[in-house]
Amino acid sequence: MPWIDIEGAANARDLGGLPTEDGGKTVTGRLLRSDNLQELTPDDIAKLTGEYGLTTVVDLRSTAELNSEGPAPLDAVPSVEHRHHPVLPEGGLATDAVADVFLNRAERDRSRYPGNAVTGHYLGYLDDRPDQVVAALRSVARAPGAALVHCAAGKDRTGVVVALALSVAGVRPDAIVADYAATGDRTEPLLARLRRSATYSADINSRPPDSHRPQAATMAAFLAQMDTQFGGAAAWLTAHGLSQEDLDLLRAKLRSPDRQ
């Protein structure tokens, strides 16, 4: 797994090198994913903007989270654009760190997918905030350099938006699932970081650490539902306002020129 080793984030990685269904691979330095960016150091920023060519941050956190956490170090970097696309309904202090706590209380998520409440929650992003999901993918597609998608843990909201982008690029489903599950390898340092934040600490400490670990079956079921319910990620995105031009830009951004 191509982890990005930086001091201020525990769950950062480059989504290049993933196998596509036609035998190609995604391009490095185009799409990055991460957990919260509040603790980035100057060296971290230099690495992201220099080595990885970061130009665009796609922030999926709620407005309440942004207000609670305050400015992040990258906010002061003129060369980096910030795009805010909250994919959870805006109301209260909603965070992905506690998404599955809400799931246990939310019958509507179980009704979306009775076999896995977290999968049902992910499908809920598409029901509740389709405009923001589409806008997040548009921001990735139009980024002049590398786009970094993040939320709080970099697991749920980030996992869904990244999965949609990789699906459009033709990445093999098993590789998308493996990337999603890789967050589990960083669970302990990730939770340690979130515990340092007043925004997330109480929620994190309310459950056993293993309950925060992503399950491969959750993403596998989500991808299967995208196909059976909507005809795939590209069909859902275009049906909800992503133009063909932006879809083509997104696909081209993540693929090598000889595999378009």
C-alpha atoms as a PDB file:
ATOM      1  CA  MET A   1       0.000   0.000   0.000  1.00  0.00           C
ATOM      2  CA  PRO A   2       1.568   3.361  -1.030  1.00  0.00           C
ATOM      3  CA  TRP A   3       1.345   5.124   2.335  1.00  0.00           C
ATOM      4  CA  ILE A   4       2.342   8.763   2.528  1.00  0.00           C
ATOM      5  CA  ASP A   5       4.532   9.004   5.605  1.00  0.00           C
ATOM      6  CA  ILE A   6       3.885  12.372   7.181  1.00  0.00           C
ATOM      7  CA  GLU A   7       3.924  13.355  10.824  1.00  0.00           C
ATOM      8  CA  GLY A   8       0.566  15.099  10.946  1.00  0.00           C
ATOM      9  CA  ALA A   9      -1.705  12.424   9.480  1.00  0.00           C
ATOM     10  CA  ALA A  10      -1.937   8.704  10.155  1.00  0.00           C
ATOM     11  CA  ASN A  11      -4.066   7.487   7.245  1.00  0.00           C
ATOM     12  CA  ALA A  12      -2.639   9.215   4.174  1.00  0.00           C
ATOM     13  CA  ARG A  13      -1.917   7.370   0.956  1.00  0.00           C
ATOM     14  CA  ASP A  14      -1.498   7.840  -2.788  1.00  0.00           C
ATOM     15  CA  LEU A  15      -4.041   5.999  -4.906  1.00  0.00           C
ATOM     16  CA  GLY A  16      -1.677   5.466  -7.801  1.00  0.00           C
ATOM     17  CA  GLY A  17      -0.641   1.997  -8.905  1.00  0.00           C
ATOM     18  CA  LEU A  18      -4.043   0.356  -8.439  1.00  0.00           C
ATOM     19  CA  PRO A  19      -4.884  -2.258 -11.102  1.00  0.00           C
ATOM     20  CA  THR A  20      -7.611  -1.502 -13.613  1.00  0.00           C
ATOM     21  CA  GLU A  21      -9.882  -4.050 -15.248  1.00  0.00           C
ATOM     22  CA  ASP A  22      -8.219  -3.565 -18.630  1.00  0.00           C
ATOM     23  CA  GLY A  23      -4.743  -4.373 -17.335  1.00  0.00           C
ATOM     24  CA  GLY A  24      -3.537  -0.849 -16.604  1.00  0.00           C
ATOM     25  CA  LYS A  25      -2.833   0.992 -13.377  1.00  0.00           C
ATOM     26  CA  THR A  26      -3.883   4.290 -11.893  1.00  0.00           C
ATOM     27  CA  VAL A  27      -1.347   7.117 -12.068  1.00  0.00           C
ATOM     28  CA  THR A  28       0.524   8.231  -8.970  1.00  0.00           C
ATOM     29  CA  GLY A  29       0.326  11.823  -7.747  1.00  0.00           C
ATOM     30  CA  ARG A  30      -3.221  12.393  -8.987  1.00  0.00           C
ATOM     31  CA  LEU A  31      -5.571  11.287  -6.175  1.00  0.00           C
ATOM     32  CA  LEU A  32      -4.604  11.169  -2.506  1.00  0.00           C
ATOM     33  CA  ARG A  33      -6.684  10.312   0.545  1.00  0.00           C
ATOM     34  CA  SER A  34      -6.214  11.077   4.211  1.00  0.00           C
ATOM     35  CA  ASP A  35      -7.641  11.580   7.647  1.00  0.00           C
ATOM     36  CA  ASN A  36      -7.910  14.998   9.299  1.00  0.00           C
ATOM     37  CA  LEU A  37      -5.187  17.475   8.278  1.00  0.00           C
ATOM     38  CA  GLN A  38      -5.203  19.669  11.383  1.00  0.00           C
ATOM     39  CA  GLU A  39      -1.764  18.535  12.628  1.00  0.00           C
ATOM     40  CA  LEU A  40       0.325  18.868   9.464  1.00  0.00           C
ATOM     41  CA  THR A  41       3.838  20.159  10.021  1.00  0.00           C
ATOM     42  CA  PRO A  42       5.756  22.485   7.668  1.00  0.00           C
ATOM     43  CA  ASP A  43       7.706  19.447   6.443  1.00  0.00           C
ATOM     44  CA  ASP A  44       4.429  17.619   5.763  1.00  0.00           C
ATOM     45  CA  ILE A  45       3.135  20.543   3.726  1.00  0.00           C
ATOM     46  CA  ALA A  46       6.368  20.754   1.756  1.00  0.00           C
ATOM     47  CA  LYS A  47       6.160  17.035   0.993  1.00  0.00           C
ATOM     48  CA  LEU A  48       2.525  17.141  -0.115  1.00  0.00           C
ATOM     49  CA  THR A  49       2.863  20.237  -2.295  1.00  0.00           C
ATOM     50  CA  GLY A  50       6.332  19.382  -3.599  1.00  0.00           C
ATOM     51  CA  GLU A  51       6.749  15.631  -3.948  1.00  0.00           C
ATOM     52  CA  TYR A  52       3.054  14.908  -4.539  1.00  0.00           C
ATOM     53  CA  GLY A  53       2.052  18.087  -6.371  1.00  0.00           C
ATOM     54  CA  LEU A  54      -0.957  18.814  -4.156  1.00  0.00           C
ATOM     55  CA  THR A  55      -3.113  21.647  -5.487  1.00  0.00           C
ATOM     56  CA  THR A  56      -6.613  20.840  -4.211  1.00  0.00           C
ATOM     57  CA  VAL A  57      -8.025  19.696  -0.877  1.00  0.00           C
ATOM     58  CA  VAL A  58     -11.503  18.136  -1.040  1.00  0.00           C
ATOM     59  CA  ASP A  59     -12.862  18.344   2.506  1.00  0.00           C
ATOM     60  CA  LEU A  60     -15.887  16.139   3.258  1.00  0.00           C
ATOM     61  CA  ARG A  61     -16.312  17.152   6.903  1.00  0.00           C
ATOM     62  CA  SER A  62     -19.443  18.867   8.145  1.00  0.00           C
ATOM     63  CA  THR A  63     -19.572  22.614   8.678  1.00  0.00           C
ATOM     64  CA  ALA A  64     -19.813  21.942  12.412  1.00  0.00           C
ATOM     65  CA  GLU A  65     -16.566  19.981  12.280  1.00  0.00           C
ATOM     66  CA  LEU A  66     -14.804  22.760  10.380  1.00  0.00           C
ATOM     67  CA  ASN A  67     -15.940  25.340  12.900  1.00  0.00           C
ATOM     68  CA  SER A  68     -14.989  23.158  15.856  1.00  0.00           C
ATOM     69  CA  GLU A  69     -11.544  22.233  14.518  1.00  0.00           C
ATOM     70  CA  GLY A  70     -10.647  25.699  13.266  1.00  0.00           C
ATOM     71  CA  PRO A  71      -8.103  26.601  10.578  1.00  0.00           C
ATOM     72  CA  ALA A  72      -5.771  23.882   9.320  1.00  0.00           C
ATOM     73  CA  PRO A  73      -2.129  24.479   8.325  1.00  0.00           C
ATOM     74  CA  LEU A  74      -2.831  24.033   4.611  1.00  0.00           C
ATOM     75  CA  ASP A  75      -5.348  26.887   4.760  1.00  0.00           C
ATOM     76  CA  ALA A  76      -2.442  29.322   4.752  1.00  0.00           C
ATOM     77  CA  VAL A  77      -0.834  27.892   1.601  1.00  0.00           C
ATOM     78  CA  PRO A  78      -1.803  30.098  -1.389  1.00  0.00           C
ATOM     79  CA  SER A  79      -1.098  27.402  -3.980  1.00  0.00           C
ATOM     80  CA  VAL A  80      -3.648  24.989  -2.475  1.00  0.00           C
ATOM     81  CA  GLU A  81      -7.375  25.379  -3.179  1.00  0.00           C
ATOM     82  CA  HIS A  82      -9.912  24.151  -0.642  1.00  0.00           C
ATOM     83  CA  ARG A  83     -13.236  22.647  -1.672  1.00  0.00           C
ATOM     84  CA  HIS A  84     -15.790  21.911   1.052  1.00  0.00           C
ATOM     85  CA  HIS A  85     -18.335  19.218   0.210  1.00  0.00           C
ATOM     86  CA  PRO A  86     -20.102  17.882   3.331  1.00  0.00           C
ATOM     87  CA  VAL A  87     -21.681  14.554   2.459  1.00  0.00           C
ATOM     88  CA  LEU A  88     -23.503  14.099   5.760  1.00  0.00           C
ATOM     89  CA  PRO A  89     -26.730  16.008   6.393  1.00  0.00           C
ATOM     90  CA  GLU A  90     -25.874  19.329   8.023  1.00  0.00           C
ATOM     91  CA  GLY A  91     -27.242  19.245  11.532  1.00  0.00           C
ATOM     92  CA  GLY A  92     -25.376  18.990  14.800  1.00  0.00           C
ATOM     93  CA  LEU A  93     -21.826  17.770  15.232  1.00  0.00           C
ATOM     94  CA  ALA A  94     -21.919  14.973  12.650  1.00  0.00           C
ATOM     95  CA  THR A  95     -18.602  13.176  12.118  1.00  0.00           C
ATOM     96  CA  ASP A  96     -17.495  10.067  10.293  1.00  0.00           C
ATOM     97  CA  ALA A  97     -15.595   8.998  13.385  1.00  0.00           C
ATOM     98  CA  VAL A  98     -18.921   8.097  14.960  1.00  0.00           C
ATOM     99  CA  ALA A  99     -20.913   7.288  11.850  1.00  0.00           C
ATOM    100  CA  ASP A 100     -21.600   3.712  12.857  1.00  0.00           C
ATOM    101  CA  VAL A 101     -22.781   4.820  16.313  1.00  0.00           C
ATOM    102  CA  PHE A 102     -25.491   6.696  14.500  1.00  0.00           C
ATOM    103  CA  LEU A 103     -26.095   3.628  12.374  1.00  0.00           C
ATOM    104  CA  ASN A 104     -27.038   1.547  15.396  1.00  0.00           C
ATOM    105  CA  ARG A 105     -29.830   4.027  16.061  1.00  0.00           C
ATOM    106  CA  ALA A 106     -30.895   4.655  12.478  1.00  0.00           C
ATOM    107  CA  GLU A 107     -33.447   2.241  11.114  1.00  0.00           C
ATOM    108  CA  ARG A 108     -33.444   3.937   7.756  1.00  0.00           C
ATOM    109  CA  ASP A 109     -29.832   2.923   7.161  1.00  0.00           C
ATOM    110  CA  ARG A 110     -30.652  -0.702   7.902  1.00  0.00           C
ATOM    111  CA  SER A 111     -33.641  -0.465   5.594  1.00  0.00           C
ATOM    112  CA  ARG A 112     -31.339   0.625   2.757  1.00  0.00           C
ATOM    113  CA  TYR A 113     -29.221  -2.495   3.165  1.00  0.00           C
ATOM    114  CA  PRO A 114     -30.394  -4.857   5.921  1.00  0.00           C
ATOM    115  CA  GLY A 115     -27.337  -7.076   5.689  1.00  0.00           C
ATOM    116  CA  ASN A 116     -24.868  -4.339   6.675  1.00  0.00           C
ATOM    117  CA  ALA A 117     -25.892  -1.097   8.371  1.00  0.00           C
ATOM    118  CA  VAL A 118     -22.634   0.635   7.433  1.00  0.00           C
ATOM    119  CA  THR A 119     -23.230  -0.147   3.762  1.00  0.00           C
ATOM    120  CA  GLY A 120     -26.712   1.281   4.218  1.00  0.00           C
ATOM    121  CA  HIS A 121     -25.172   4.399   5.726  1.00  0.00           C
ATOM    122  CA  TYR A 122     -22.867   4.794   2.742  1.00  0.00           C
ATOM    123  CA  LEU A 123     -25.813   4.502   0.380  1.00  0.00           C
ATOM    124  CA  GLY A 124     -27.394   7.211   2.491  1.00  0.00           C
ATOM    125  CA  TYR A 125     -24.742   9.688   1.339  1.00  0.00           C
ATOM    126  CA  LEU A 126     -26.119   9.199  -2.162  1.00  0.00           C
ATOM    127  CA  ASP A 127     -29.707   9.695  -0.991  1.00  0.00           C
ATOM    128  CA  ASP A 128     -29.114  12.601   1.387  1.00  0.00           C
ATOM    129  CA  ARG A 129     -26.402  14.667  -0.292  1.00  0.00           C
ATOM    130  CA  PRO A 130     -26.130  13.685  -3.958  1.00  0.00           C
ATOM    131  CA  ASP A 131     -25.212  17.246  -4.918  1.00  0.00           C
ATOM    132  CA  GLN A 132     -22.230  17.242  -2.550  1.00  0.00           C
ATOM    133  CA  VAL A 133     -21.043  13.789  -3.606  1.00  0.00           C
ATOM    134  CA  VAL A 134     -21.133  14.873  -7.250  1.00  0.00           C
ATOM    135  CA  ALA A 135     -19.440  18.191  -6.430  1.00  0.00           C
ATOM    136  CA  ALA A 136     -16.640  16.366  -4.616  1.00  0.00           C
ATOM    137  CA  LEU A 137     -15.948  14.222  -7.682  1.00  0.00           C
ATOM    138  CA  ARG A 138     -16.103  17.315  -9.892  1.00  0.00           C
ATOM    139  CA  SER A 139     -13.492  18.993  -7.683  1.00  0.00           C
ATOM    140  CA  VAL A 140     -11.219  15.972  -8.040  1.00  0.00           C
ATOM    141  CA  ALA A 141     -11.684  15.921 -11.804  1.00  0.00           C
ATOM    142  CA  ARG A 142     -10.905  19.637 -12.214  1.00  0.00           C
ATOM    143  CA  ALA A 143      -7.949  19.818  -9.841  1.00  0.00           C
ATOM    144  CA  PRO A 144      -4.926  21.151 -11.757  1.00  0.00           C
ATOM    145  CA  GLY A 145      -2.615  18.871  -9.775  1.00  0.00           C
ATOM    146  CA  ALA A 146      -3.055  16.219  -7.128  1.00  0.00           C
ATOM    147  CA  ALA A 147      -6.367  16.266  -5.250  1.00  0.00           C
ATOM    148  CA  LEU A 148      -6.465  15.100  -1.640  1.00  0.00           C
ATOM    149  CA  VAL A 149      -9.821  13.845  -0.334  1.00  0.00           C
ATOM    150  CA  HIS A 150     -10.250  13.745   3.422  1.00  0.00           C
ATOM    151  CA  CYS A 151     -12.724  13.802   6.296  1.00  0.00           C
ATOM    152  CA  ALA A 152     -12.016  13.047   9.968  1.00  0.00           C
ATOM    153  CA  ALA A 153     -10.797   9.449   9.977  1.00  0.00           C
ATOM    154  CA  GLY A 154     -10.414   9.147   6.207  1.00  0.00           C
ATOM    155  CA  LYS A 155     -12.488   5.985   6.334  1.00  0.00           C
ATOM    156  CA  ASP A 156     -16.228   6.370   5.665  1.00  0.00           C
ATOM    157  CA  ARG A 157     -16.942   9.571   3.751  1.00  0.00           C
ATOM    158  CA  THR A 158     -13.517   9.535   2.140  1.00  0.00           C
ATOM    159  CA  GLY A 159     -13.879   5.819   1.439  1.00  0.00           C
ATOM    160  CA  VAL A 160     -17.103   6.303  -0.502  1.00  0.00           C
ATOM    161  CA  VAL A 161     -15.973   9.303  -2.570  1.00  0.00           C
ATOM    162  CA  VAL A 162     -12.667   7.627  -3.391  1.00  0.00           C
ATOM    163  CA  ALA A 163     -14.440   4.380  -4.305  1.00  0.00           C
ATOM    164  CA  LEU A 164     -16.649   6.252  -6.768  1.00  0.00           C
ATOM    165  CA  ALA A 165     -13.633   7.941  -8.357  1.00  0.00           C
ATOM    166  CA  LEU A 166     -11.734   4.680  -8.662  1.00  0.00           C
ATOM    167  CA  SER A 167     -14.784   2.931 -10.099  1.00  0.00           C
ATOM    168  CA  VAL A 168     -15.059   5.587 -12.815  1.00  0.00           C
ATOM    169  CA  ALA A 169     -11.385   5.008 -13.590  1.00  0.00           C
ATOM    170  CA  GLY A 170     -12.066   1.295 -14.072  1.00  0.00           C
ATOM    171  CA  VAL A 171     -10.130   0.078 -11.031  1.00  0.00           C
ATOM    172  CA  ARG A 172     -10.855  -3.546 -10.211  1.00  0.00           C
ATOM    173  CA  PRO A 173     -13.452  -3.878  -7.418  1.00  0.00           C
ATOM    174  CA  ASP A 174     -11.182  -6.094  -5.351  1.00  0.00           C
ATOM    175  CA  ALA A 175      -8.507  -3.381  -5.434  1.00  0.00           C
ATOM    176  CA  ILE A 176     -11.031  -0.740  -4.329  1.00  0.00           C
ATOM    177  CA  VAL A 177     -12.059  -2.981  -1.448  1.00  0.00           C
ATOM    178  CA  ALA A 178      -8.428  -3.604  -0.489  1.00  0.00           C
ATOM    179  CA  ASP A 179      -7.700   0.117  -0.459  1.00  0.00           C
ATOM    180  CA  TYR A 180     -10.740   0.761   1.740  1.00  0.00           C
ATOM    181  CA  ALA A 181      -9.755  -1.981   4.184  1.00  0.00           C
ATOM    182  CA  ALA A 182      -6.157  -0.726   4.375  1.00  0.00           C
ATOM    183  CA  THR A 183      -7.268   1.966   6.820  1.00  0.00           C
ATOM    184  CA  GLY A 184      -7.508  -0.870   9.337  1.00  0.00           C
ATOM    185  CA  ASP A 185      -3.704  -1.120   9.295  1.00  0.00           C
ATOM    186  CA  ARG A 186      -3.523   2.381  10.778  1.00  0.00           C
ATOM    187  CA  THR A 187      -6.392   2.126  13.260  1.00  0.00           C
ATOM    188  CA  GLU A 188      -4.328   2.591  16.420  1.00  0.00           C
ATOM    189  CA  PRO A 189      -2.359   5.718  15.383  1.00  0.00           C
ATOM    190  CA  LEU A 190      -5.470   7.099  13.701  1.00  0.00           C
ATOM    191  CA  LEU A 191      -7.540   6.800  16.863  1.00  0.00           C
ATOM    192  CA  ALA A 192      -4.707   8.279  18.899  1.00  0.00           C
ATOM    193  CA  ARG A 193      -4.780  11.368  16.706  1.00  0.00           C
ATOM    194  CA  LEU A 194      -8.548  11.735  16.894  1.00  0.00           C
ATOM    195  CA  ARG A 195      -8.470  11.389  20.679  1.00  0.00           C
ATOM    196  CA  ARG A 196      -6.319  14.527  20.819  1.00  0.00           C
ATOM    197  CA  SER A 197      -9.167  16.519  19.294  1.00  0.00           C
ATOM    198  CA  ALA A 198     -12.010  17.797  21.459  1.00  0.00           C
ATOM    199  CA  THR A 199     -14.246  17.402  18.419  1.00  0.00           C
ATOM    200  CA  TYR A 200     -13.811  13.637  18.238  1.00  0.00           C
ATOM    201  CA  SER A 201     -12.361  12.327  21.508  1.00  0.00           C
ATOM    202  CA  ALA A 202     -15.582  11.591  23.393  1.00  0.00           C
ATOM    203  CA  ASP A 203     -17.041   9.726  20.439  1.00  0.00           C
ATOM    204  CA  ILE A 204     -13.889   7.711  19.851  1.00  0.00           C
ATOM    205  CA  ASN A 205     -13.611   6.736  23.503  1.00  0.00           C
ATOM    206  CA  SER A 206     -17.242   5.621  23.676  1.00  0.00           C
ATOM    207  CA  ARG A 207     -16.554   2.375  21.784  1.00  0.00           C
ATOM    208  CA  PRO A 208     -13.913  -0.377  21.631  1.00  0.00           C
ATOM    209  CA  PRO A 209     -11.066   0.387  19.199  1.00  0.00           C
ATOM    210  CA  ASP A 210     -11.833  -2.615  16.967  1.00  0.00           C
ATOM    211  CA  SER A 211     -15.314  -1.282  16.267  1.00  0.00           C
ATOM    212  CA  HIS A 212     -13.684   1.543  14.289  1.00  0.00           C
ATOM    213  CA  ARG A 213     -11.840  -0.864  12.001  1.00  0.00           C
ATOM    214  CA  PRO A 214     -13.277  -0.990   8.446  1.00  0.00           C
ATOM    215  CA  GLN A 215     -14.566  -4.307   7.127  1.00  0.00           C
ATOM    216  CA  ALA A 216     -13.863  -5.313   3.535  1.00  0.00           C
ATOM    217  CA  ALA A 217     -17.376  -6.748   3.201  1.00  0.00           C
ATOM    218  CA  THR A 218     -18.850  -3.294   3.775  1.00  0.00           C
ATOM    219  CA  MET A 219     -17.217  -1.783   0.692  1.00  0.00           C
ATOM    220  CA  ALA A 220     -17.745  -4.930  -1.383  1.00  0.00           C
ATOM    221  CA  ALA A 221     -21.462  -4.691  -0.674  1.00  0.00           C
ATOM    222  CA  PHE A 222     -21.502  -0.963  -1.462  1.00  0.00           C
ATOM    223  CA  LEU A 223     -19.878  -1.521  -4.857  1.00  0.00           C
ATOM    224  CA  ALA A 224     -22.283  -4.358  -5.615  1.00  0.00           C
ATOM    225  CA  GLN A 225     -25.230  -2.124  -4.768  1.00  0.00           C
ATOM    226  CA  MET A 226     -23.872   0.627  -7.008  1.00  0.00           C
ATOM    227  CA  ASP A 227     -23.971  -1.836  -9.880  1.00  0.00           C
ATOM    228  CA  THR A 228     -27.328  -3.485  -9.147  1.00  0.00           C
ATOM    229  CA  GLN A 229     -29.255  -0.369  -8.122  1.00  0.00           C
ATOM    230  CA  PHE A 230     -27.730   2.277 -10.364  1.00  0.00           C
ATOM    231  CA  GLY A 231     -25.814   0.585 -13.161  1.00  0.00           C
ATOM    232  CA  GLY A 232     -22.444   1.618 -11.750  1.00  0.00           C
ATOM    233  CA  ALA A 233     -20.746   4.707 -10.354  1.00  0.00           C
ATOM    234  CA  ALA A 234     -20.537   6.563 -13.670  1.00  0.00           C
ATOM    235  CA  ALA A 235     -24.240   6.081 -14.350  1.00  0.00           C
ATOM    236  CA  TRP A 236     -25.179   7.341 -10.878  1.00  0.00           C
ATOM    237  CA  LEU A 237     -22.909  10.375 -11.137  1.00  0.00           C
ATOM    238  CA  THR A 238     -24.159  11.460 -14.556  1.00  0.00           C
ATOM    239  CA  ALA A 239     -27.758  10.915 -13.481  1.00  0.00           C
ATOM    240  CA  HIS A 240     -27.145  13.323 -10.583  1.00  0.00           C
ATOM    241  CA  GLY A 241     -25.499  16.147 -12.471  1.00  0.00           C
ATOM    242  CA  LEU A 242     -21.896  15.255 -13.296  1.00  0.00           C
ATOM    243  CA  SER A 243     -21.353  16.259 -16.910  1.00  0.00           C
ATOM    244  CA  GLN A 244     -19.868  13.899 -19.457  1.00  0.00           C
ATOM    245  CA  GLU A 245     -16.950  16.314 -19.734  1.00  0.00           C
ATOM    246  CA  ASP A 246     -16.231  16.065 -16.019  1.00  0.00           C
ATOM    247  CA  LEU A 247     -16.660  12.302 -16.087  1.00  0.00           C
ATOM    248  CA  ASP A 248     -14.099  12.093 -18.876  1.00  0.00           C
ATOM    249  CA  LEU A 249     -11.766  14.447 -16.985  1.00  0.00           C
ATOM    250  CA  LEU A 250     -12.027  12.291 -13.871  1.00  0.00           C
ATOM    251  CA  ARG A 251     -11.293   9.117 -15.769  1.00  0.00           C
ATOM    252  CA  ALA A 252      -8.378  10.699 -17.647  1.00  0.00           C
ATOM    253  CA  LYS A 253      -6.917  12.172 -14.458  1.00  0.00           C
ATOM    254  CA  LEU A 254      -6.484   8.775 -12.845  1.00  0.00           C
ATOM    255  CA  ARG A 255      -5.390   6.764 -15.874  1.00  0.00           C
ATOM    256  CA  SER A 256      -2.276   6.767 -18.042  1.00  0.00           C
ATOM    257  CA  PRO A 257      -2.758   8.284 -21.537  1.00  0.00           C
ATOM    258  CA  ASP A 258      -2.455   4.942 -23.310  1.00  0.00           C
ATOM    259  CA  ARG A 259      -5.304   3.484 -21.232  1.00  0.00           C
ATOM    260  CA  GLN A 260      -8.022   6.125 -21.686  1.00  0.00           C
END
